[in-house]
Amino acid sequence: MFKLLSPALITIALATPALAQEISAAPVEAAERAFAADGLALGIRGSFLRHMADDAIVFAPGPVNAREFYEKRPGTNEPKLFWWPQKVVIARSGDLGLSLGPWSIDDKRGGYYATIWRKGADGVWKWVYDGGAQADPGKAPGPDAAAQAGPLAPAGAESQAKGFEEARAAEAALASAAATDAPSAYKAALTADAWLLGPKETKALAGNDLSARLALRPAAITLRPQGGGASGAGDLVWTHGEASWSGPDNKPVAAHYMHVWQRRAEGWRLIFETLINDT
C-alpha cells in the first residue's frame, strides 16, 4: 500500500505557470556536485550523513532509514568514491529533483547512481533517496561536462496530494500490465528520454538504451508499491517498492525499485527507474 509523506516533509506550495517558466534544474546539479565534492573531502560516511534528510532512505536490500544505516558505518579505510551528474530534472515548484550519473571507485568507473533531492523549508537541498545500479558508464561525459536538464512538466496537478494520487494510479496501471507483459507495459509508460538502471546482467547497456533494456525484461514482473513522495506542484512524483520475477530455470528473483513519474502533456509518464536485486 502507498504511504503519502506528510505535508511537513514535503513543501506544499504550488507554483504558478509563470513562476514555473523561471525554474531551473541548476540547484539540483549544484546540490549533487557539492555532495560529490564532500565525498572526496569527508569520505563516504561523512558526506552522505551531511547531505541526507532525516527521513531519507536507502535500499539494504529493502528501504531503511539512511541516517541510521550510515551512522553505523565506521567511516575508516573507505575507498575513493566519486560521482557526477549527467542528467537532472526539477519540479515546477522547484522543491523536488532527480539527479543521475556515473560513479567511480578509485578512479575506475563502475556504474550509475541516482539521487532524489528535496528542498526544505530552510531552502537547503537534502537527498531523500540515493542508490546505485547497473548501467554502462563508459561513454558518459566526464565530470567537467554540464549536466543535461530534463524537460519541465507543462503543468502541475491541483495539489501535491492530487499529483501523488494521479501518479499512484499510473503506477498501479503499470503494475497491472507488467504482471502479464512487462516489456509492453514499460514501453507504454516510459517517455522517450527515460532512463533505466539495473537489474543485474545489464551493466553493458547504457541507461538510456531503452530498446535493448526492454528486450531483456522478464516476460512478467510483479510490482508492489510501498511509498514515495511528491513535489509541491504535484508534477513530479517518486515511488518505491518491491519487484519480483522468474529468472533462469524459473528461480525467483527479488528486487526493489525506485521510480520517478512526471506529469507530461500526454499524461503521467515514467522518466526513471532503478531496479536493484536484493542479492
C-alpha atoms as a PDB file:
ATOM      1  CA  MET A   1       0.000   0.000   0.000  1.00  0.00           C
ATOM      2  CA  PHE A   2       1.212   3.540  -0.747  1.00  0.00           C
ATOM      3  CA  LYS A   3       2.058   5.829   2.109  1.00  0.00           C
ATOM      4  CA  LEU A   4       1.927   9.559   1.307  1.00  0.00           C
ATOM      5  CA  LEU A   5       4.614  11.516   3.109  1.00  0.00           C
ATOM      6  CA  SER A   6       3.231  14.120   5.478  1.00  0.00           C
ATOM      7  CA  PRO A   7       2.994  17.751   4.363  1.00  0.00           C
ATOM      8  CA  ALA A   8       5.634  18.597   6.959  1.00  0.00           C
ATOM      9  CA  LEU A   9       8.114  16.534   4.994  1.00  0.00           C
ATOM     10  CA  ILE A  10       7.333  17.936   1.548  1.00  0.00           C
ATOM     11  CA  THR A  11       6.837  21.567   0.595  1.00  0.00           C
ATOM     12  CA  ILE A  12       3.225  22.063  -0.395  1.00  0.00           C
ATOM     13  CA  ALA A  13       3.357  25.488  -2.029  1.00  0.00           C
ATOM     14  CA  LEU A  14       2.054  25.437  -5.604  1.00  0.00           C
ATOM     15  CA  ALA A  15       3.956  27.122  -8.423  1.00  0.00           C
ATOM     16  CA  THR A  16       2.110  29.279 -10.949  1.00  0.00           C
ATOM     17  CA  PRO A  17       2.785  28.683 -14.679  1.00  0.00           C
ATOM     18  CA  ALA A  18       4.683  31.984 -14.926  1.00  0.00           C
ATOM     19  CA  LEU A  19       6.889  31.086 -11.998  1.00  0.00           C
ATOM     20  CA  ALA A  20       7.496  27.598 -13.335  1.00  0.00           C
ATOM     21  CA  GLN A  21       8.986  29.037 -16.524  1.00  0.00           C
ATOM     22  CA  GLU A  22      11.720  30.586 -14.399  1.00  0.00           C
ATOM     23  CA  ILE A  23      12.573  27.335 -12.648  1.00  0.00           C
ATOM     24  CA  SER A  24      15.981  25.897 -13.494  1.00  0.00           C
ATOM     25  CA  ALA A  25      17.396  22.490 -12.625  1.00  0.00           C
ATOM     26  CA  ALA A  26      20.730  24.146 -11.776  1.00  0.00           C
ATOM     27  CA  PRO A  27      20.135  23.901  -7.988  1.00  0.00           C
ATOM     28  CA  VAL A  28      19.748  20.122  -8.287  1.00  0.00           C
ATOM     29  CA  GLU A  29      23.025  19.872 -10.204  1.00  0.00           C
ATOM     30  CA  ALA A  30      24.727  22.168  -7.677  1.00  0.00           C
ATOM     31  CA  ALA A  31      23.487  20.090  -4.745  1.00  0.00           C
ATOM     32  CA  GLU A  32      24.779  16.904  -6.360  1.00  0.00           C
ATOM     33  CA  ARG A  33      28.191  18.414  -7.120  1.00  0.00           C
ATOM     34  CA  ALA A  34      28.524  19.705  -3.568  1.00  0.00           C
ATOM     35  CA  PHE A  35      27.621  16.253  -2.283  1.00  0.00           C
ATOM     36  CA  ALA A  36      30.237  14.653  -4.541  1.00  0.00           C
ATOM     37  CA  ALA A  37      32.900  17.179  -3.534  1.00  0.00           C
ATOM     38  CA  ASP A  38      32.270  16.369   0.106  1.00  0.00           C
ATOM     39  CA  GLY A  39      32.576  12.711  -0.819  1.00  0.00           C
ATOM     40  CA  LEU A  40      36.224  13.382  -1.600  1.00  0.00           C
ATOM     41  CA  ALA A  41      36.753  15.725   1.352  1.00  0.00           C
ATOM     42  CA  LEU A  42      34.788  13.934   4.075  1.00  0.00           C
ATOM     43  CA  GLY A  43      34.639  10.365   2.807  1.00  0.00           C
ATOM     44  CA  ILE A  44      31.565   8.276   2.105  1.00  0.00           C
ATOM     45  CA  ARG A  45      30.084   8.217   5.602  1.00  0.00           C
ATOM     46  CA  GLY A  46      30.674  11.883   6.341  1.00  0.00           C
ATOM     47  CA  SER A  47      29.365  13.207   3.054  1.00  0.00           C
ATOM     48  CA  PHE A  48      26.283  11.014   2.981  1.00  0.00           C
ATOM     49  CA  LEU A  49      25.321  11.992   6.523  1.00  0.00           C
ATOM     50  CA  ARG A  50      25.883  15.672   5.809  1.00  0.00           C
ATOM     51  CA  HIS A  51      23.662  15.834   2.736  1.00  0.00           C
ATOM     52  CA  MET A  52      20.789  13.491   3.624  1.00  0.00           C
ATOM     53  CA  ALA A  53      17.383  14.386   5.016  1.00  0.00           C
ATOM     54  CA  ASP A  54      16.452  12.826   8.331  1.00  0.00           C
ATOM     55  CA  ASP A  55      13.790  10.710   6.631  1.00  0.00           C
ATOM     56  CA  ALA A  56      15.983   9.658   3.681  1.00  0.00           C
ATOM     57  CA  ILE A  57      16.009   6.013   2.651  1.00  0.00           C
ATOM     58  CA  VAL A  58      18.435   3.596   1.025  1.00  0.00           C
ATOM     59  CA  PHE A  59      17.886   0.014  -0.085  1.00  0.00           C
ATOM     60  CA  ALA A  60      19.648  -2.542   2.124  1.00  0.00           C
ATOM     61  CA  PRO A  61      18.161  -4.546   0.476  1.00  0.00           C
ATOM     62  CA  GLY A  62      14.739  -3.135   1.337  1.00  0.00           C
ATOM     63  CA  PRO A  63      14.144   0.501   2.323  1.00  0.00           C
ATOM     64  CA  VAL A  64      15.784   1.518   5.608  1.00  0.00           C
ATOM     65  CA  ASN A  65      16.428   4.857   7.268  1.00  0.00           C
ATOM     66  CA  ALA A  66      19.596   6.199   5.649  1.00  0.00           C
ATOM     67  CA  ARG A  67      20.840   8.097   8.703  1.00  0.00           C
ATOM     68  CA  GLU A  68      20.644   5.046  10.923  1.00  0.00           C
ATOM     69  CA  PHE A  69      22.307   2.981   8.202  1.00  0.00           C
ATOM     70  CA  TYR A  70      25.278   5.308   7.655  1.00  0.00           C
ATOM     71  CA  GLU A  71      25.784   6.192  11.312  1.00  0.00           C
ATOM     72  CA  LYS A  72      26.631   2.523  11.883  1.00  0.00           C
ATOM     73  CA  ARG A  73      29.422   2.635   9.291  1.00  0.00           C
ATOM     74  CA  PRO A  74      32.940   3.102  10.698  1.00  0.00           C
ATOM     75  CA  GLY A  75      33.990   5.761   8.172  1.00  0.00           C
ATOM     76  CA  THR A  76      37.578   4.481   8.056  1.00  0.00           C
ATOM     77  CA  ASN A  77      39.556   2.811   5.275  1.00  0.00           C
ATOM     78  CA  GLU A  78      36.962   3.897   2.748  1.00  0.00           C
ATOM     79  CA  PRO A  79      37.641   3.710  -0.997  1.00  0.00           C
ATOM     80  CA  LYS A  80      37.735   6.884  -3.074  1.00  0.00           C
ATOM     81  CA  LEU A  81      34.141   7.162  -4.269  1.00  0.00           C
ATOM     82  CA  PHE A  82      33.384   9.908  -6.778  1.00  0.00           C
ATOM     83  CA  TRP A  83      30.372  10.673  -8.935  1.00  0.00           C
ATOM     84  CA  TRP A  84      28.953  13.467 -11.050  1.00  0.00           C
ATOM     85  CA  PRO A  85      25.556  14.430 -12.517  1.00  0.00           C
ATOM     86  CA  GLN A  86      24.868  13.608 -16.163  1.00  0.00           C
ATOM     87  CA  LYS A  87      21.138  14.394 -16.140  1.00  0.00           C
ATOM     88  CA  VAL A  88      18.993  16.429 -13.753  1.00  0.00           C
ATOM     89  CA  VAL A  89      15.249  17.070 -13.543  1.00  0.00           C
ATOM     90  CA  ILE A  90      13.350  19.509 -11.341  1.00  0.00           C
ATOM     91  CA  ALA A  91       9.697  20.017 -10.432  1.00  0.00           C
ATOM     92  CA  ARG A  92       7.748  23.123 -11.455  1.00  0.00           C
ATOM     93  CA  SER A  93       7.607  24.112  -7.789  1.00  0.00           C
ATOM     94  CA  GLY A  94      11.398  23.963  -7.547  1.00  0.00           C
ATOM     95  CA  ASP A  95      11.329  21.740  -4.475  1.00  0.00           C
ATOM     96  CA  LEU A  96      11.974  18.209  -5.777  1.00  0.00           C
ATOM     97  CA  GLY A  97      14.505  16.890  -8.249  1.00  0.00           C
ATOM     98  CA  LEU A  98      16.256  13.882  -9.732  1.00  0.00           C
ATOM     99  CA  SER A  99      19.967  13.572 -10.458  1.00  0.00           C
ATOM    100  CA  LEU A 100      21.691  10.638 -12.113  1.00  0.00           C
ATOM    101  CA  GLY A 101      25.162   9.991 -13.455  1.00  0.00           C
ATOM    102  CA  PRO A 102      28.271   7.810 -13.377  1.00  0.00           C
ATOM    103  CA  TRP A 103      30.215   6.810 -10.294  1.00  0.00           C
ATOM    104  CA  SER A 104      33.781   5.625  -9.899  1.00  0.00           C
ATOM    105  CA  ILE A 105      35.771   3.911  -7.175  1.00  0.00           C
ATOM    106  CA  ASP A 106      39.473   4.690  -7.013  1.00  0.00           C
ATOM    107  CA  ASP A 107      39.127   6.411 -10.421  1.00  0.00           C
ATOM    108  CA  LYS A 108      37.590   3.351 -12.124  1.00  0.00           C
ATOM    109  CA  ARG A 109      34.072   3.832 -13.457  1.00  0.00           C
ATOM    110  CA  GLY A 110      31.680   1.218 -12.164  1.00  0.00           C
ATOM    111  CA  GLY A 111      28.036   2.107 -12.804  1.00  0.00           C
ATOM    112  CA  TYR A 112      25.387   4.769 -12.236  1.00  0.00           C
ATOM    113  CA  TYR A 113      23.912   6.442  -9.173  1.00  0.00           C
ATOM    114  CA  ALA A 114      20.511   8.084  -8.781  1.00  0.00           C
ATOM    115  CA  THR A 115      19.554  10.661  -6.162  1.00  0.00           C
ATOM    116  CA  ILE A 116      16.166  12.138  -5.286  1.00  0.00           C
ATOM    117  CA  TRP A 117      16.601  15.663  -3.898  1.00  0.00           C
ATOM    118  CA  ARG A 118      14.126  17.713  -1.841  1.00  0.00           C
ATOM    119  CA  LYS A 119      14.406  21.370  -0.856  1.00  0.00           C
ATOM    120  CA  GLY A 120      13.479  22.040   2.737  1.00  0.00           C
ATOM    121  CA  ALA A 121      11.613  24.980   4.230  1.00  0.00           C
ATOM    122  CA  ASP A 122      15.028  26.492   5.002  1.00  0.00           C
ATOM    123  CA  GLY A 123      15.934  26.430   1.306  1.00  0.00           C
ATOM    124  CA  VAL A 124      18.572  23.715   1.754  1.00  0.00           C
ATOM    125  CA  TRP A 125      18.557  20.726  -0.603  1.00  0.00           C
ATOM    126  CA  LYS A 126      18.859  17.295   1.030  1.00  0.00           C
ATOM    127  CA  TRP A 127      18.600  13.886  -0.568  1.00  0.00           C
ATOM    128  CA  VAL A 128      15.731  11.582   0.328  1.00  0.00           C
ATOM    129  CA  TYR A 129      16.943   8.607  -1.707  1.00  0.00           C
ATOM    130  CA  ASP A 130      20.342   7.594  -3.032  1.00  0.00           C
ATOM    131  CA  GLY A 131      21.429   4.372  -4.665  1.00  0.00           C
ATOM    132  CA  GLY A 132      23.385   2.810  -7.490  1.00  0.00           C
ATOM    133  CA  ALA A 133      22.544   0.205 -10.108  1.00  0.00           C
ATOM    134  CA  GLN A 134      23.996  -1.399 -13.205  1.00  0.00           C
ATOM    135  CA  ALA A 135      24.492   0.592 -16.420  1.00  0.00           C
ATOM    136  CA  ASP A 136      27.485   1.184 -18.665  1.00  0.00           C
ATOM    137  CA  PRO A 137      29.230   4.475 -17.746  1.00  0.00           C
ATOM    138  CA  GLY A 138      31.979   4.078 -20.337  1.00  0.00           C
ATOM    139  CA  LYS A 139      30.634   6.628 -22.823  1.00  0.00           C
ATOM    140  CA  ALA A 140      29.284   9.065 -20.256  1.00  0.00           C
ATOM    141  CA  PRO A 141      30.620  12.644 -20.318  1.00  0.00           C
ATOM    142  CA  GLY A 142      33.310  13.450 -17.792  1.00  0.00           C
ATOM    143  CA  PRO A 143      32.766  15.317 -14.525  1.00  0.00           C
ATOM    144  CA  ASP A 144      33.542  18.723 -16.079  1.00  0.00           C
ATOM    145  CA  ALA A 145      30.642  18.484 -18.538  1.00  0.00           C
ATOM    146  CA  ALA A 146      27.444  20.298 -17.619  1.00  0.00           C
ATOM    147  CA  ALA A 147      24.527  18.039 -16.751  1.00  0.00           C
ATOM    148  CA  GLN A 148      21.690  17.697 -19.234  1.00  0.00           C
ATOM    149  CA  ALA A 149      18.465  19.202 -17.885  1.00  0.00           C
ATOM    150  CA  GLY A 150      15.312  17.214 -18.482  1.00  0.00           C
ATOM    151  CA  PRO A 151      12.122  18.986 -19.575  1.00  0.00           C
ATOM    152  CA  LEU A 152       9.878  20.767 -17.112  1.00  0.00           C
ATOM    153  CA  ALA A 153       6.356  19.452 -16.740  1.00  0.00           C
ATOM    154  CA  PRO A 154       3.923  21.628 -18.712  1.00  0.00           C
ATOM    155  CA  ALA A 155       1.506  21.865 -15.780  1.00  0.00           C
ATOM    156  CA  GLY A 156       1.130  20.791 -12.197  1.00  0.00           C
ATOM    157  CA  ALA A 157      -1.746  18.957 -10.550  1.00  0.00           C
ATOM    158  CA  GLU A 158      -4.472  20.556  -8.430  1.00  0.00           C
ATOM    159  CA  SER A 159      -2.382  19.901  -5.341  1.00  0.00           C
ATOM    160  CA  GLN A 160       0.553  17.909  -4.074  1.00  0.00           C
ATOM    161  CA  ALA A 161      -1.806  15.232  -2.788  1.00  0.00           C
ATOM    162  CA  LYS A 162      -3.698  15.097  -6.081  1.00  0.00           C
ATOM    163  CA  GLY A 163      -0.463  14.714  -8.015  1.00  0.00           C
ATOM    164  CA  PHE A 164       0.597  11.831  -5.822  1.00  0.00           C
ATOM    165  CA  GLU A 165      -2.804  10.211  -6.264  1.00  0.00           C
ATOM    166  CA  GLU A 166      -2.576  10.525 -10.057  1.00  0.00           C
ATOM    167  CA  ALA A 167       0.928   9.085 -10.169  1.00  0.00           C
ATOM    168  CA  ARG A 168      -0.182   6.292  -7.858  1.00  0.00           C
ATOM    169  CA  ALA A 169      -2.863   5.398 -10.388  1.00  0.00           C
ATOM    170  CA  ALA A 170      -0.250   5.357 -13.171  1.00  0.00           C
ATOM    171  CA  GLU A 171       1.931   3.109 -11.047  1.00  0.00           C
ATOM    172  CA  ALA A 172      -0.981   0.760 -10.413  1.00  0.00           C
ATOM    173  CA  ALA A 173      -1.690   0.592 -14.140  1.00  0.00           C
ATOM    174  CA  LEU A 174       1.952  -0.240 -14.851  1.00  0.00           C
ATOM    175  CA  ALA A 175       1.950  -2.936 -12.165  1.00  0.00           C
ATOM    176  CA  SER A 176      -1.234  -4.488 -13.523  1.00  0.00           C
ATOM    177  CA  ALA A 177       0.044  -4.608 -17.102  1.00  0.00           C
ATOM    178  CA  ALA A 178       3.582  -5.721 -16.137  1.00  0.00           C
ATOM    179  CA  ALA A 179       2.162  -8.770 -14.373  1.00  0.00           C
ATOM    180  CA  THR A 180       1.380 -10.303 -17.769  1.00  0.00           C
ATOM    181  CA  ASP A 181       3.553  -8.425 -20.307  1.00  0.00           C
ATOM    182  CA  ALA A 182       6.312  -6.392 -18.678  1.00  0.00           C
ATOM    183  CA  PRO A 183       8.133  -5.194 -21.838  1.00  0.00           C
ATOM    184  CA  SER A 184       4.924  -3.825 -23.380  1.00  0.00           C
ATOM    185  CA  ALA A 185       3.782  -2.325 -20.078  1.00  0.00           C
ATOM    186  CA  TYR A 186       7.023  -0.413 -19.648  1.00  0.00           C
ATOM    187  CA  LYS A 187       7.073   0.658 -23.288  1.00  0.00           C
ATOM    188  CA  ALA A 188       3.659   2.228 -22.836  1.00  0.00           C
ATOM    189  CA  ALA A 189       4.621   4.013 -19.607  1.00  0.00           C
ATOM    190  CA  LEU A 190       8.120   5.283 -20.439  1.00  0.00           C
ATOM    191  CA  THR A 191       9.000   8.601 -22.042  1.00  0.00           C
ATOM    192  CA  ALA A 192      11.409   8.577 -24.984  1.00  0.00           C
ATOM    193  CA  ASP A 193      14.029  10.306 -22.798  1.00  0.00           C
ATOM    194  CA  ALA A 194      13.630   7.968 -19.824  1.00  0.00           C
ATOM    195  CA  TRP A 195      16.495   6.147 -18.105  1.00  0.00           C
ATOM    196  CA  LEU A 196      16.522   2.606 -16.724  1.00  0.00           C
ATOM    197  CA  LEU A 197      19.240   1.356 -14.352  1.00  0.00           C
ATOM    198  CA  GLY A 198      19.620  -2.285 -13.345  1.00  0.00           C
ATOM    199  CA  PRO A 199      18.822  -5.034 -12.674  1.00  0.00           C
ATOM    200  CA  LYS A 200      21.779  -7.430 -12.683  1.00  0.00           C
ATOM    201  CA  GLU A 201      23.177  -8.525 -16.032  1.00  0.00           C
ATOM    202  CA  THR A 202      22.618  -5.087 -17.599  1.00  0.00           C
ATOM    203  CA  LYS A 203      25.950  -3.423 -16.819  1.00  0.00           C
ATOM    204  CA  ALA A 204      26.957  -3.498 -20.507  1.00  0.00           C
ATOM    205  CA  LEU A 205      23.924  -1.404 -21.519  1.00  0.00           C
ATOM    206  CA  ALA A 206      23.616   2.375 -21.411  1.00  0.00           C
ATOM    207  CA  GLY A 207      20.908   3.633 -19.100  1.00  0.00           C
ATOM    208  CA  ASN A 208      19.083   5.385 -21.932  1.00  0.00           C
ATOM    209  CA  ASP A 209      19.222   2.398 -24.316  1.00  0.00           C
ATOM    210  CA  LEU A 210      15.565   1.638 -23.765  1.00  0.00           C
ATOM    211  CA  SER A 211      15.134  -0.805 -26.643  1.00  0.00           C
ATOM    212  CA  ALA A 212      17.976  -3.066 -25.519  1.00  0.00           C
ATOM    213  CA  ARG A 213      16.921  -2.901 -21.887  1.00  0.00           C
ATOM    214  CA  LEU A 214      13.277  -3.690 -22.569  1.00  0.00           C
ATOM    215  CA  ALA A 215      14.364  -6.620 -24.748  1.00  0.00           C
ATOM    216  CA  LEU A 216      15.995  -8.128 -21.638  1.00  0.00           C
ATOM    217  CA  ARG A 217      12.999  -7.596 -19.393  1.00  0.00           C
ATOM    218  CA  PRO A 218      11.341 -10.713 -17.986  1.00  0.00           C
ATOM    219  CA  ALA A 219       8.012 -11.555 -19.583  1.00  0.00           C
ATOM    220  CA  ALA A 220       6.223 -10.752 -16.336  1.00  0.00           C
ATOM    221  CA  ILE A 221       7.207  -8.632 -13.328  1.00  0.00           C
ATOM    222  CA  THR A 222       5.283  -8.215 -10.094  1.00  0.00           C
ATOM    223  CA  LEU A 223       5.475  -4.682  -8.689  1.00  0.00           C
ATOM    224  CA  ARG A 224       4.327  -3.962  -5.133  1.00  0.00           C
ATOM    225  CA  PRO A 225       4.419  -0.201  -4.359  1.00  0.00           C
ATOM    226  CA  GLN A 226       5.417   0.773  -0.836  1.00  0.00           C
ATOM    227  CA  GLY A 227       5.870   4.532  -0.563  1.00  0.00           C
ATOM    228  CA  GLY A 228       7.117   7.755  -2.069  1.00  0.00           C
ATOM    229  CA  GLY A 229       6.546  11.490  -2.207  1.00  0.00           C
ATOM    230  CA  ALA A 230       5.580  14.373  -4.474  1.00  0.00           C
ATOM    231  CA  SER A 231       6.590  17.894  -5.367  1.00  0.00           C
ATOM    232  CA  GLY A 232       4.583  20.847  -4.161  1.00  0.00           C
ATOM    233  CA  ALA A 233       3.257  21.404  -7.674  1.00  0.00           C
ATOM    234  CA  GLY A 234       2.180  17.775  -7.932  1.00  0.00           C
ATOM    235  CA  ASP A 235       4.034  17.337 -11.225  1.00  0.00           C
ATOM    236  CA  LEU A 236       6.969  15.174 -10.123  1.00  0.00           C
ATOM    237  CA  VAL A 237       6.494  12.056  -8.000  1.00  0.00           C
ATOM    238  CA  TRP A 238       8.850   9.370  -6.758  1.00  0.00           C
ATOM    239  CA  THR A 239       7.675   5.932  -5.749  1.00  0.00           C
ATOM    240  CA  HIS A 240       9.430   2.852  -4.471  1.00  0.00           C
ATOM    241  CA  GLY A 241       8.519  -0.728  -3.810  1.00  0.00           C
ATOM    242  CA  GLU A 242       9.253  -4.410  -4.236  1.00  0.00           C
ATOM    243  CA  ALA A 243       9.671  -6.229  -7.536  1.00  0.00           C
ATOM    244  CA  SER A 244       9.891  -9.920  -8.321  1.00  0.00           C
ATOM    245  CA  TRP A 245      10.046 -12.158 -11.383  1.00  0.00           C
ATOM    246  CA  SER A 246      11.163 -15.595 -12.521  1.00  0.00           C
ATOM    247  CA  GLY A 247      14.802 -15.801 -13.532  1.00  0.00           C
ATOM    248  CA  PRO A 248      16.737 -18.531 -15.335  1.00  0.00           C
ATOM    249  CA  ASP A 249      15.427 -22.021 -14.587  1.00  0.00           C
ATOM    250  CA  ASN A 250      12.348 -20.324 -13.101  1.00  0.00           C
ATOM    251  CA  LYS A 251      14.249 -19.346  -9.977  1.00  0.00           C
ATOM    252  CA  PRO A 252      12.538 -16.473  -8.153  1.00  0.00           C
ATOM    253  CA  VAL A 253      14.289 -13.093  -8.257  1.00  0.00           C
ATOM    254  CA  ALA A 254      13.582 -10.428  -5.646  1.00  0.00           C
ATOM    255  CA  ALA A 255      14.430  -6.760  -6.063  1.00  0.00           C
ATOM    256  CA  HIS A 256      13.462  -3.220  -5.051  1.00  0.00           C
ATOM    257  CA  TYR A 257      12.724  -0.359  -7.383  1.00  0.00           C
ATOM    258  CA  MET A 258      12.691   3.432  -7.386  1.00  0.00           C
ATOM    259  CA  HIS A 259      10.504   5.223  -9.930  1.00  0.00           C
ATOM    260  CA  VAL A 260      10.213   8.875 -10.883  1.00  0.00           C
ATOM    261  CA  TRP A 261       6.992   9.937 -12.613  1.00  0.00           C
ATOM    262  CA  GLN A 262       6.422  13.254 -14.390  1.00  0.00           C
ATOM    263  CA  ARG A 263       3.158  14.864 -15.456  1.00  0.00           C
ATOM    264  CA  ARG A 264       3.742  15.237 -19.190  1.00  0.00           C
ATOM    265  CA  ALA A 265       1.321  16.683 -21.778  1.00  0.00           C
ATOM    266  CA  GLU A 266       0.195  13.150 -22.665  1.00  0.00           C
ATOM    267  CA  GLY A 267      -0.353  12.231 -19.009  1.00  0.00           C
ATOM    268  CA  TRP A 268       1.748  10.690 -16.254  1.00  0.00           C
ATOM    269  CA  ARG A 269       4.854   9.031 -17.658  1.00  0.00           C
ATOM    270  CA  LEU A 270       7.759   7.132 -16.129  1.00  0.00           C
ATOM    271  CA  ILE A 271      11.001   9.057 -16.654  1.00  0.00           C
ATOM    272  CA  PHE A 272      13.277   6.961 -14.447  1.00  0.00           C
ATOM    273  CA  GLU A 273      13.611   3.542 -12.850  1.00  0.00           C
ATOM    274  CA  THR A 274      16.359   1.930 -10.844  1.00  0.00           C
ATOM    275  CA  LEU A 275      15.828  -1.797 -10.280  1.00  0.00           C
ATOM    276  CA  ILE A 276      18.186  -3.297  -7.708  1.00  0.00           C
ATOM    277  CA  ASN A 277      18.377  -7.027  -6.996  1.00  0.00           C
ATOM    278  CA  ASP A 278      18.134  -7.936  -3.323  1.00  0.00           C
ATOM    279  CA  THR A 279      21.019 -10.406  -3.624  1.00  0.00           C
END
